Amino acid sequence: MKWKCSACGYIHDGDSAPDFCPRCGAPKEKFEKIAADIEQIMDRSKKTNQLHMDLTHMMTKVLEIAEAGTEDNLDPGCLNVFQKAKKAAWEIRQMSKAEITVHINKQKWG
């Protein structure tokens, strides 16, 4: 079962709501049981959400590498590759972050 704190949005997994919210300290009464259909969506989306987070992290690393290569500026061909990598990594990272936001807004997170 999943429970949502109505004060802060914290999601708790368990047979019952916690006595107090670990995030904001709200009492047990502030927790609402999440409907079974929403719970299934949340559980189903865990893998994809983690993949988006991993991809976002990897693109941040690509951005760092591309920036270092741009600063090194060995020759025009290298600079071209690093600039393209930077642009592509930025766009992919932003798309994944936007998709995570969509999932959160559709309750595909928890």
PDB file of N, CA and C in Angstrom:
ATOM      1  N   MET A   1       0.837  -1.185   0.000  1.00  0.00           N
ATOM      2  CA  MET A   1       0.000   0.000   0.000  1.00  0.00           C
ATOM      3  C   MET A   1       0.880   1.246   0.000  1.00  0.00           C
ATOM      4  N   LYS A   2       0.346   2.292  -0.575  1.00  0.00           N
ATOM      5  CA  LYS A   2       1.037   3.567  -0.589  1.00  0.00           C
ATOM      6  C   LYS A   2       0.157   4.620   0.089  1.00  0.00           C
ATOM      7  N   TRP A   3       0.828   5.526   0.786  1.00  0.00           N
ATOM      8  CA  TRP A   3       0.163   6.598   1.517  1.00  0.00           C
ATOM      9  C   TRP A   3       0.834   7.909   1.152  1.00  0.00           C
ATOM     10  N   LYS A   4       0.037   8.968   0.981  1.00  0.00           N
ATOM     11  CA  LYS A   4       0.584  10.265   0.614  1.00  0.00           C
ATOM     12  C   LYS A   4       0.292  11.292   1.691  1.00  0.00           C
ATOM     13  N   CYS A   5       1.323  11.993   2.102  1.00  0.00           N
ATOM     14  CA  CYS A   5       1.154  13.069   3.077  1.00  0.00           C
ATOM     15  C   CYS A   5       0.490  14.240   2.361  1.00  0.00           C
ATOM     16  N   SER A   6      -0.659  14.669   2.862  1.00  0.00           N
ATOM     17  CA  SER A   6      -1.374  15.774   2.220  1.00  0.00           C
ATOM     18  C   SER A   6      -0.715  17.118   2.510  1.00  0.00           C
ATOM     19  N   ALA A   7       0.193  17.151   3.471  1.00  0.00           N
ATOM     20  CA  ALA A   7       0.877  18.402   3.795  1.00  0.00           C
ATOM     21  C   ALA A   7       2.052  18.673   2.857  1.00  0.00           C
ATOM     22  N   CYS A   8       2.827  17.627   2.511  1.00  0.00           N
ATOM     23  CA  CYS A   8       4.042  17.862   1.722  1.00  0.00           C
ATOM     24  C   CYS A   8       4.180  16.981   0.484  1.00  0.00           C
ATOM     25  N   GLY A   9       3.340  15.946   0.337  1.00  0.00           N
ATOM     26  CA  GLY A   9       3.405  15.085  -0.836  1.00  0.00           C
ATOM     27  C   GLY A   9       4.294  13.865  -0.690  1.00  0.00           C
ATOM     28  N   TYR A  10       4.898  13.678   0.483  1.00  0.00           N
ATOM     29  CA  TYR A  10       5.756  12.510   0.719  1.00  0.00           C
ATOM     30  C   TYR A  10       4.954  11.229   0.494  1.00  0.00           C
ATOM     31  N   ILE A  11       5.563  10.242  -0.176  1.00  0.00           N
ATOM     32  CA  ILE A  11       4.917   8.952  -0.426  1.00  0.00           C
ATOM     33  C   ILE A  11       5.536   7.915   0.501  1.00  0.00           C
ATOM     34  N   HIS A  12       4.681   7.197   1.216  1.00  0.00           N
ATOM     35  CA  HIS A  12       5.113   6.153   2.147  1.00  0.00           C
ATOM     36  C   HIS A  12       4.599   4.806   1.655  1.00  0.00           C
ATOM     37  N   ASP A  13       5.487   3.800   1.635  1.00  0.00           N
ATOM     38  CA  ASP A  13       5.098   2.428   1.324  1.00  0.00           C
ATOM     39  C   ASP A  13       4.953   1.672   2.634  1.00  0.00           C
ATOM     40  N   GLY A  14       3.820   1.012   2.833  1.00  0.00           N
ATOM     41  CA  GLY A  14       3.616   0.220   4.046  1.00  0.00           C
ATOM     42  C   GLY A  14       2.164  -0.146   4.239  1.00  0.00           C
ATOM     43  N   ASP A  15       1.927  -1.036   5.192  1.00  0.00           N
ATOM     44  CA  ASP A  15       0.560  -1.479   5.471  1.00  0.00           C
ATOM     45  C   ASP A  15      -0.298  -0.377   6.062  1.00  0.00           C
ATOM     46  N   SER A  16       0.346   0.590   6.727  1.00  0.00           N
ATOM     47  CA  SER A  16      -0.377   1.730   7.276  1.00  0.00           C
ATOM     48  C   SER A  16       0.498   2.968   7.168  1.00  0.00           C
ATOM     49  N   ALA A  17      -0.118   4.104   7.348  1.00  0.00           N
ATOM     50  CA  ALA A  17       0.635   5.360   7.302  1.00  0.00           C
ATOM     51  C   ALA A  17       1.557   5.440   8.517  1.00  0.00           C
ATOM     52  N   PRO A  18       2.688   6.139   8.397  1.00  0.00           N
ATOM     53  CA  PRO A  18       3.572   6.300   9.556  1.00  0.00           C
ATOM     54  C   PRO A  18       2.926   7.231  10.595  1.00  0.00           C
ATOM     55  N   ASP A  19       3.391   7.153  11.813  1.00  0.00           N
ATOM     56  CA  ASP A  19       2.843   8.010  12.869  1.00  0.00           C
ATOM     57  C   ASP A  19       3.079   9.488  12.565  1.00  0.00           C
ATOM     58  N   PHE A  20       4.238   9.779  11.962  1.00  0.00           N
ATOM     59  CA  PHE A  20       4.583  11.142  11.559  1.00  0.00           C
ATOM     60  C   PHE A  20       5.278  11.093  10.209  1.00  0.00           C
ATOM     61  N   CYS A  21       5.078  12.116   9.411  1.00  0.00           N
ATOM     62  CA  CYS A  21       5.730  12.190   8.107  1.00  0.00           C
ATOM     63  C   CYS A  21       7.235  12.380   8.307  1.00  0.00           C
ATOM     64  N   PRO A  22       8.047  11.516   7.689  1.00  0.00           N
ATOM     65  CA  PRO A  22       9.496  11.659   7.807  1.00  0.00           C
ATOM     66  C   PRO A  22      10.028  12.968   7.216  1.00  0.00           C
ATOM     67  N   ARG A  23       9.292  13.532   6.284  1.00  0.00           N
ATOM     68  CA  ARG A  23       9.765  14.751   5.619  1.00  0.00           C
ATOM     69  C   ARG A  23       9.365  16.014   6.369  1.00  0.00           C
ATOM     70  N   CYS A  24       8.085  16.132   6.721  1.00  0.00           N
ATOM     71  CA  CYS A  24       7.608  17.397   7.298  1.00  0.00           C
ATOM     72  C   CYS A  24       7.118  17.283   8.739  1.00  0.00           C
ATOM     73  N   GLY A  25       6.989  16.049   9.257  1.00  0.00           N
ATOM     74  CA  GLY A  25       6.554  15.860  10.638  1.00  0.00           C
ATOM     75  C   GLY A  25       5.055  15.882  10.844  1.00  0.00           C
ATOM     76  N   ALA A  26       4.285  15.954   9.764  1.00  0.00           N
ATOM     77  CA  ALA A  26       2.821  15.967   9.897  1.00  0.00           C
ATOM     78  C   ALA A  26       2.348  14.669  10.555  1.00  0.00           C
ATOM     79  N   PRO A  27       1.259  14.736  11.329  1.00  0.00           N
ATOM     80  CA  PRO A  27       0.760  13.528  11.991  1.00  0.00           C
ATOM     81  C   PRO A  27       0.126  12.545  11.012  1.00  0.00           C
ATOM     82  N   LYS A  28      -0.049  11.335  11.490  1.00  0.00           N
ATOM     83  CA  LYS A  28      -0.606  10.232  10.701  1.00  0.00           C
ATOM     84  C   LYS A  28      -1.909  10.618  10.002  1.00  0.00           C
ATOM     85  N   GLU A  29      -2.704  11.430  10.659  1.00  0.00           N
ATOM     86  CA  GLU A  29      -4.016  11.820  10.114  1.00  0.00           C
ATOM     87  C   GLU A  29      -3.899  12.583   8.789  1.00  0.00           C
ATOM     88  N   LYS A  30      -2.740  13.132   8.496  1.00  0.00           N
ATOM     89  CA  LYS A  30      -2.538  13.889   7.258  1.00  0.00           C
ATOM     90  C   LYS A  30      -2.251  12.980   6.058  1.00  0.00           C
ATOM     91  N   PHE A  31      -2.108  11.672   6.305  1.00  0.00           N
ATOM     92  CA  PHE A  31      -1.828  10.740   5.223  1.00  0.00           C
ATOM     93  C   PHE A  31      -3.127  10.208   4.636  1.00  0.00           C
ATOM     94  N   GLU A  32      -3.120  10.108   3.301  1.00  0.00           N
ATOM     95  CA  GLU A  32      -4.262   9.555   2.578  1.00  0.00           C
ATOM     96  C   GLU A  32      -3.797   8.326   1.815  1.00  0.00           C
ATOM     97  N   LYS A  33      -4.618   7.292   1.824  1.00  0.00           N
ATOM     98  CA  LYS A  33      -4.283   6.091   1.071  1.00  0.00           C
ATOM     99  C   LYS A  33      -4.394   6.404  -0.417  1.00  0.00           C
ATOM    100  N   ILE A  34      -3.417   5.962  -1.156  1.00  0.00           N
ATOM    101  CA  ILE A  34      -3.413   6.181  -2.604  1.00  0.00           C
ATOM    102  C   ILE A  34      -4.248   5.073  -3.253  1.00  0.00           C
ATOM    103  N   ALA A  35      -5.091   5.455  -4.192  1.00  0.00           N
ATOM    104  CA  ALA A  35      -5.971   4.507  -4.882  1.00  0.00           C
ATOM    105  C   ALA A  35      -5.148   3.433  -5.589  1.00  0.00           C
ATOM    106  N   ALA A  36      -5.705   2.234  -5.661  1.00  0.00           N
ATOM    107  CA  ALA A  36      -5.002   1.079  -6.220  1.00  0.00           C
ATOM    108  C   ALA A  36      -4.555   1.319  -7.664  1.00  0.00           C
ATOM    109  N   ASP A  37      -5.393   1.962  -8.476  1.00  0.00           N
ATOM    110  CA  ASP A  37      -5.013   2.190  -9.872  1.00  0.00           C
ATOM    111  C   ASP A  37      -3.831   3.167  -9.976  1.00  0.00           C
ATOM    112  N   ILE A  38      -3.800   4.169  -9.124  1.00  0.00           N
ATOM    113  CA  ILE A  38      -2.678   5.116  -9.098  1.00  0.00           C
ATOM    114  C   ILE A  38      -1.430   4.424  -8.569  1.00  0.00           C
ATOM    115  N   GLU A  39      -1.600   3.585  -7.579  1.00  0.00           N
ATOM    116  CA  GLU A  39      -0.475   2.826  -7.016  1.00  0.00           C
ATOM    117  C   GLU A  39       0.172   1.944  -8.092  1.00  0.00           C
ATOM    118  N   GLN A  40      -0.640   1.316  -8.926  1.00  0.00           N
ATOM    119  CA  GLN A  40      -0.118   0.482 -10.009  1.00  0.00           C
ATOM    120  C   GLN A  40       0.681   1.309 -11.004  1.00  0.00           C
ATOM    121  N   ILE A  41       0.187   2.505 -11.333  1.00  0.00           N
ATOM    122  CA  ILE A  41       0.904   3.389 -12.247  1.00  0.00           C
ATOM    123  C   ILE A  41       2.244   3.788 -11.634  1.00  0.00           C
ATOM    124  N   MET A  42       2.242   4.108 -10.349  1.00  0.00           N
ATOM    125  CA  MET A  42       3.477   4.490  -9.656  1.00  0.00           C
ATOM    126  C   MET A  42       4.494   3.350  -9.691  1.00  0.00           C
ATOM    127  N   ASP A  43       4.032   2.160  -9.365  1.00  0.00           N
ATOM    128  CA  ASP A  43       4.937   1.010  -9.365  1.00  0.00           C
ATOM    129  C   ASP A  43       5.465   0.717 -10.760  1.00  0.00           C
ATOM    130  N   ARG A  44       4.606   0.823 -11.750  1.00  0.00           N
ATOM    131  CA  ARG A  44       4.996   0.548 -13.135  1.00  0.00           C
ATOM    132  C   ARG A  44       6.035   1.548 -13.643  1.00  0.00           C
ATOM    133  N   SER A  45       5.948   2.780 -13.183  1.00  0.00           N
ATOM    134  CA  SER A  45       6.813   3.831 -13.709  1.00  0.00           C
ATOM    135  C   SER A  45       8.175   3.922 -13.020  1.00  0.00           C
ATOM    136  N   LYS A  46       8.395   3.171 -11.958  1.00  0.00           N
ATOM    137  CA  LYS A  46       9.666   3.264 -11.228  1.00  0.00           C
ATOM    138  C   LYS A  46      10.873   3.009 -12.115  1.00  0.00           C
ATOM    139  N   LYS A  47      10.813   1.994 -12.952  1.00  0.00           N
ATOM    140  CA  LYS A  47      11.954   1.650 -13.803  1.00  0.00           C
ATOM    141  C   LYS A  47      12.265   2.781 -14.782  1.00  0.00           C
ATOM    142  N   THR A  48      11.253   3.265 -15.478  1.00  0.00           N
ATOM    143  CA  THR A  48      11.468   4.320 -16.461  1.00  0.00           C
ATOM    144  C   THR A  48      11.955   5.597 -15.794  1.00  0.00           C
ATOM    145  N   ASN A  49      11.404   5.941 -14.640  1.00  0.00           N
ATOM    146  CA  ASN A  49      11.855   7.139 -13.933  1.00  0.00           C
ATOM    147  C   ASN A  49      13.332   7.019 -13.549  1.00  0.00           C
ATOM    148  N   GLN A  50      13.734   5.851 -13.094  1.00  0.00           N
ATOM    149  CA  GLN A  50      15.138   5.645 -12.746  1.00  0.00           C
ATOM    150  C   GLN A  50      16.021   5.747 -13.986  1.00  0.00           C
ATOM    151  N   LEU A  51      15.539   5.205 -15.103  1.00  0.00           N
ATOM    152  CA  LEU A  51      16.300   5.310 -16.347  1.00  0.00           C
ATOM    153  C   LEU A  51      16.473   6.770 -16.770  1.00  0.00           C
ATOM    154  N   HIS A  52      15.416   7.562 -16.626  1.00  0.00           N
ATOM    155  CA  HIS A  52      15.521   8.995 -16.942  1.00  0.00           C
ATOM    156  C   HIS A  52      16.516   9.686 -16.009  1.00  0.00           C
ATOM    157  N   MET A  53      16.498   9.332 -14.746  1.00  0.00           N
ATOM    158  CA  MET A  53      17.449   9.933 -13.809  1.00  0.00           C
ATOM    159  C   MET A  53      18.880   9.535 -14.165  1.00  0.00           C
ATOM    160  N   ASP A  54      19.084   8.262 -14.508  1.00  0.00           N
ATOM    161  CA  ASP A  54      20.415   7.800 -14.915  1.00  0.00           C
ATOM    162  C   ASP A  54      20.874   8.524 -16.181  1.00  0.00           C
ATOM    163  N   LEU A  55      19.966   8.669 -17.142  1.00  0.00           N
ATOM    164  CA  LEU A  55      20.306   9.347 -18.389  1.00  0.00           C
ATOM    165  C   LEU A  55      20.659  10.815 -18.127  1.00  0.00           C
ATOM    166  N   THR A  56      19.897  11.464 -17.270  1.00  0.00           N
ATOM    167  CA  THR A  56      20.184  12.852 -16.911  1.00  0.00           C
ATOM    168  C   THR A  56      21.576  12.972 -16.295  1.00  0.00           C
ATOM    169  N   HIS A  57      21.902  12.041 -15.413  1.00  0.00           N
ATOM    170  CA  HIS A  57      23.219  12.044 -14.778  1.00  0.00           C
ATOM    171  C   HIS A  57      24.321  11.827 -15.824  1.00  0.00           C
ATOM    172  N   MET A  58      24.116  10.892 -16.736  1.00  0.00           N
ATOM    173  CA  MET A  58      25.115  10.629 -17.773  1.00  0.00           C
ATOM    174  C   MET A  58      25.299  11.831 -18.695  1.00  0.00           C
ATOM    175  N   MET A  59      24.213  12.493 -19.038  1.00  0.00           N
ATOM    176  CA  MET A  59      24.324  13.661 -19.910  1.00  0.00           C
ATOM    177  C   MET A  59      25.067  14.799 -19.213  1.00  0.00           C
ATOM    178  N   THR A  60      24.933  14.899 -17.895  1.00  0.00           N
ATOM    179  CA  THR A  60      25.708  15.886 -17.148  1.00  0.00           C
ATOM    180  C   THR A  60      27.199  15.579 -17.273  1.00  0.00           C
ATOM    181  N   LYS A  61      27.545  14.306 -17.218  1.00  0.00           N
ATOM    182  CA  LYS A  61      28.947  13.907 -17.399  1.00  0.00           C
ATOM    183  C   LYS A  61      29.425  14.216 -18.819  1.00  0.00           C
ATOM    184  N   VAL A  62      28.587  13.953 -19.821  1.00  0.00           N
ATOM    185  CA  VAL A  62      28.947  14.274 -21.204  1.00  0.00           C
ATOM    186  C   VAL A  62      29.177  15.784 -21.346  1.00  0.00           C
ATOM    187  N   LEU A  63      28.325  16.587 -20.700  1.00  0.00           N
ATOM    188  CA  LEU A  63      28.504  18.039 -20.746  1.00  0.00           C
ATOM    189  C   LEU A  63      29.858  18.452 -20.164  1.00  0.00           C
ATOM    190  N   GLU A  64      30.243  17.834 -19.053  1.00  0.00           N
ATOM    191  CA  GLU A  64      31.532  18.146 -18.432  1.00  0.00           C
ATOM    192  C   GLU A  64      32.691  17.770 -19.355  1.00  0.00           C
ATOM    193  N   ILE A  65      32.597  16.605 -19.968  1.00  0.00           N
ATOM    194  CA  ILE A  65      33.648  16.154 -20.893  1.00  0.00           C
ATOM    195  C   ILE A  65      33.705  17.073 -22.117  1.00  0.00           C
ATOM    196  N   ALA A  66      32.544  17.404 -22.655  1.00  0.00           N
ATOM    197  CA  ALA A  66      32.499  18.269 -23.836  1.00  0.00           C
ATOM    198  C   ALA A  66      33.058  19.652 -23.524  1.00  0.00           C
ATOM    199  N   GLU A  67      32.783  20.150 -22.343  1.00  0.00           N
ATOM    200  CA  GLU A  67      33.317  21.452 -21.939  1.00  0.00           C
ATOM    201  C   GLU A  67      34.844  21.398 -21.832  1.00  0.00           C
ATOM    202  N   ALA A  68      35.367  20.318 -21.241  1.00  0.00           N
ATOM    203  CA  ALA A  68      36.823  20.160 -21.133  1.00  0.00           C
ATOM    204  C   ALA A  68      37.454  20.070 -22.524  1.00  0.00           C
ATOM    205  N   GLY A  69      36.810  19.345 -23.433  1.00  0.00           N
ATOM    206  CA  GLY A  69      37.328  19.239 -24.795  1.00  0.00           C
ATOM    207  C   GLY A  69      37.278  20.565 -25.538  1.00  0.00           C
ATOM    208  N   THR A  70      36.230  21.338 -25.283  1.00  0.00           N
ATOM    209  CA  THR A  70      36.109  22.660 -25.899  1.00  0.00           C
ATOM    210  C   THR A  70      37.218  23.583 -25.390  1.00  0.00           C
ATOM    211  N   GLU A  71      37.465  23.536 -24.101  1.00  0.00           N
ATOM    212  CA  GLU A  71      38.528  24.364 -23.514  1.00  0.00           C
ATOM    213  C   GLU A  71      39.901  23.944 -24.037  1.00  0.00           C
ATOM    214  N   ASP A  72      40.114  22.645 -24.234  1.00  0.00           N
ATOM    215  CA  ASP A  72      41.395  22.146 -24.750  1.00  0.00           C
ATOM    216  C   ASP A  72      41.631  22.642 -26.173  1.00  0.00           C
ATOM    217  N   ASN A  73      40.578  22.622 -27.001  1.00  0.00           N
ATOM    218  CA  ASN A  73      40.588  23.204 -28.342  1.00  0.00           C
ATOM    219  C   ASN A  73      41.822  22.801 -29.154  1.00  0.00           C
ATOM    220  N   LEU A  74      42.049  21.490 -29.258  1.00  0.00           N
ATOM    221  CA  LEU A  74      43.223  20.992 -29.984  1.00  0.00           C
ATOM    222  C   LEU A  74      43.217  21.406 -31.451  1.00  0.00           C
ATOM    223  N   ASP A  75      42.092  21.180 -32.109  1.00  0.00           N
ATOM    224  CA  ASP A  75      41.991  21.560 -33.518  1.00  0.00           C
ATOM    225  C   ASP A  75      40.513  21.713 -33.874  1.00  0.00           C
ATOM    226  N   PRO A  76      40.205  22.278 -35.043  1.00  0.00           N
ATOM    227  CA  PRO A  76      38.808  22.530 -35.414  1.00  0.00           C
ATOM    228  C   PRO A  76      37.929  21.275 -35.422  1.00  0.00           C
ATOM    229  N   GLY A  77      38.483  20.153 -35.852  1.00  0.00           N
ATOM    230  CA  GLY A  77      37.687  18.916 -35.877  1.00  0.00           C
ATOM    231  C   GLY A  77      37.280  18.484 -34.476  1.00  0.00           C
ATOM    232  N   CYS A  78      38.214  18.520 -33.539  1.00  0.00           N
ATOM    233  CA  CYS A  78      37.908  18.162 -32.142  1.00  0.00           C
ATOM    234  C   CYS A  78      36.891  19.133 -31.554  1.00  0.00           C
ATOM    235  N   LEU A  79      37.111  20.417 -31.780  1.00  0.00           N
ATOM    236  CA  LEU A  79      36.199  21.430 -31.249  1.00  0.00           C
ATOM    237  C   LEU A  79      34.783  21.197 -31.758  1.00  0.00           C
ATOM    238  N   ASN A  80      34.648  20.866 -33.037  1.00  0.00           N
ATOM    239  CA  ASN A  80      33.342  20.587 -33.638  1.00  0.00           C
ATOM    240  C   ASN A  80      32.649  19.418 -32.934  1.00  0.00           C
ATOM    241  N   VAL A  81      33.384  18.334 -32.691  1.00  0.00           N
ATOM    242  CA  VAL A  81      32.816  17.158 -32.013  1.00  0.00           C
ATOM    243  C   VAL A  81      32.347  17.528 -30.614  1.00  0.00           C
ATOM    244  N   PHE A  82      33.198  18.220 -29.854  1.00  0.00           N
ATOM    245  CA  PHE A  82      32.839  18.560 -28.483  1.00  0.00           C
ATOM    246  C   PHE A  82      31.666  19.537 -28.413  1.00  0.00           C
ATOM    247  N   GLN A  83      31.596  20.472 -29.338  1.00  0.00           N
ATOM    248  CA  GLN A  83      30.468  21.409 -29.355  1.00  0.00           C
ATOM    249  C   GLN A  83      29.162  20.696 -29.698  1.00  0.00           C
ATOM    250  N   LYS A  84      29.221  19.755 -30.626  1.00  0.00           N
ATOM    251  CA  LYS A  84      28.016  18.983 -30.970  1.00  0.00           C
ATOM    252  C   LYS A  84      27.601  18.087 -29.801  1.00  0.00           C
ATOM    253  N   ALA A  85      28.572  17.482 -29.138  1.00  0.00           N
ATOM    254  CA  ALA A  85      28.267  16.638 -27.980  1.00  0.00           C
ATOM    255  C   ALA A  85      27.608  17.461 -26.879  1.00  0.00           C
ATOM    256  N   LYS A  86      28.124  18.659 -26.672  1.00  0.00           N
ATOM    257  CA  LYS A  86      27.561  19.532 -25.632  1.00  0.00           C
ATOM    258  C   LYS A  86      26.105  19.882 -25.946  1.00  0.00           C
ATOM    259  N   LYS A  87      25.845  20.250 -27.192  1.00  0.00           N
ATOM    260  CA  LYS A  87      24.470  20.613 -27.596  1.00  0.00           C
ATOM    261  C   LYS A  87      23.524  19.421 -27.442  1.00  0.00           C
ATOM    262  N   ALA A  88      23.954  18.263 -27.931  1.00  0.00           N
ATOM    263  CA  ALA A  88      23.099  17.069 -27.863  1.00  0.00           C
ATOM    264  C   ALA A  88      22.856  16.640 -26.417  1.00  0.00           C
ATOM    265  N   ALA A  89      23.895  16.659 -25.596  1.00  0.00           N
ATOM    266  CA  ALA A  89      23.754  16.248 -24.195  1.00  0.00           C
ATOM    267  C   ALA A  89      22.816  17.190 -23.458  1.00  0.00           C
ATOM    268  N   TRP A  90      22.936  18.484 -23.726  1.00  0.00           N
ATOM    269  CA  TRP A  90      22.062  19.469 -23.082  1.00  0.00           C
ATOM    270  C   TRP A  90      20.600  19.189 -23.439  1.00  0.00           C
ATOM    271  N   GLU A  91      20.337  18.976 -24.724  1.00  0.00           N
ATOM    272  CA  GLU A  91      18.960  18.740 -25.170  1.00  0.00           C
ATOM    273  C   GLU A  91      18.397  17.447 -24.579  1.00  0.00           C
ATOM    274  N   ILE A  92      19.162  16.382 -24.593  1.00  0.00           N
ATOM    275  CA  ILE A  92      18.687  15.104 -24.046  1.00  0.00           C
ATOM    276  C   ILE A  92      18.427  15.228 -22.544  1.00  0.00           C
ATOM    277  N   ARG A  93      19.345  15.880 -21.845  1.00  0.00           N
ATOM    278  CA  ARG A  93      19.154  16.055 -20.392  1.00  0.00           C
ATOM    279  C   ARG A  93      17.892  16.854 -20.110  1.00  0.00           C
ATOM    280  N   GLN A  94      17.678  17.915 -20.864  1.00  0.00           N
ATOM    281  CA  GLN A  94      16.486  18.743 -20.649  1.00  0.00           C
ATOM    282  C   GLN A  94      15.202  17.965 -20.980  1.00  0.00           C
ATOM    283  N   MET A  95      15.236  17.148 -22.026  1.00  0.00           N
ATOM    284  CA  MET A  95      14.062  16.345 -22.387  1.00  0.00           C
ATOM    285  C   MET A  95      13.748  15.329 -21.291  1.00  0.00           C
ATOM    286  N   SER A  96      14.772  14.678 -20.744  1.00  0.00           N
ATOM    287  CA  SER A  96      14.538  13.705 -19.677  1.00  0.00           C
ATOM    288  C   SER A  96      13.994  14.379 -18.428  1.00  0.00           C
ATOM    289  N   LYS A  97      14.534  15.544 -18.091  1.00  0.00           N
ATOM    290  CA  LYS A  97      14.022  16.274 -16.926  1.00  0.00           C
ATOM    291  C   LYS A  97      12.561  16.667 -17.145  1.00  0.00           C
ATOM    292  N   ALA A  98      12.228  17.093 -18.354  1.00  0.00           N
ATOM    293  CA  ALA A  98      10.842  17.453 -18.663  1.00  0.00           C
ATOM    294  C   ALA A  98       9.928  16.232 -18.563  1.00  0.00           C
ATOM    295  N   GLU A  99      10.414  15.084 -19.021  1.00  0.00           N
ATOM    296  CA  GLU A  99       9.606  13.861 -18.961  1.00  0.00           C
ATOM    297  C   GLU A  99       9.371  13.435 -17.505  1.00  0.00           C
ATOM    298  N   ILE A 100      10.386  13.580 -16.669  1.00  0.00           N
ATOM    299  CA  ILE A 100      10.211  13.282 -15.246  1.00  0.00           C
ATOM    300  C   ILE A 100       9.135  14.197 -14.660  1.00  0.00           C
ATOM    301  N   THR A 101       9.152  15.463 -15.033  1.00  0.00           N
ATOM    302  CA  THR A 101       8.133  16.407 -14.557  1.00  0.00           C
ATOM    303  C   THR A 101       6.740  15.972 -15.000  1.00  0.00           C
ATOM    304  N   VAL A 102       6.623  15.533 -16.248  1.00  0.00           N
ATOM    305  CA  VAL A 102       5.333  15.027 -16.751  1.00  0.00           C
ATOM    306  C   VAL A 102       4.878  13.835 -15.905  1.00  0.00           C
ATOM    307  N   HIS A 103       5.798  12.929 -15.617  1.00  0.00           N
ATOM    308  CA  HIS A 103       5.447  11.753 -14.810  1.00  0.00           C
ATOM    309  C   HIS A 103       4.975  12.164 -13.422  1.00  0.00           C
ATOM    310  N   ILE A 104       5.664  13.092 -12.806  1.00  0.00           N
ATOM    311  CA  ILE A 104       5.268  13.554 -11.474  1.00  0.00           C
ATOM    312  C   ILE A 104       3.855  14.156 -11.533  1.00  0.00           C
ATOM    313  N   ASN A 105       3.605  14.985 -12.529  1.00  0.00           N
ATOM    314  CA  ASN A 105       2.289  15.619 -12.655  1.00  0.00           C
ATOM    315  C   ASN A 105       1.176  14.617 -12.938  1.00  0.00           C
ATOM    316  N   LYS A 106       1.515  13.480 -13.543  1.00  0.00           N
ATOM    317  CA  LYS A 106       0.520  12.432 -13.825  1.00  0.00           C
ATOM    318  C   LYS A 106       0.501  11.345 -12.753  1.00  0.00           C
ATOM    319  N   GLN A 107       1.133  11.610 -11.614  1.00  0.00           N
ATOM    320  CA  GLN A 107       1.220  10.674 -10.484  1.00  0.00           C
ATOM    321  C   GLN A 107       1.931   9.390 -10.865  1.00  0.00           C
ATOM    322  N   LYS A 108       2.856   9.466 -11.811  1.00  0.00           N
ATOM    323  CA  LYS A 108       3.670   8.318 -12.190  1.00  0.00           C
ATOM    324  C   LYS A 108       5.000   8.399 -11.447  1.00  0.00           C
ATOM    325  N   TRP A 109       4.913   8.665 -10.158  1.00  0.00           N
ATOM    326  CA  TRP A 109       6.107   8.824  -9.331  1.00  0.00           C
ATOM    327  C   TRP A 109       5.725   8.498  -7.902  1.00  0.00           C
ATOM    328  N   GLY A 110       6.575   7.803  -7.226  1.00  0.00           N
ATOM    329  CA  GLY A 110       6.285   7.540  -5.818  1.00  0.00           C
ATOM    330  C   GLY A 110       7.054   6.386  -5.262  1.00  0.00           C
TER     331      GLY A 110
END
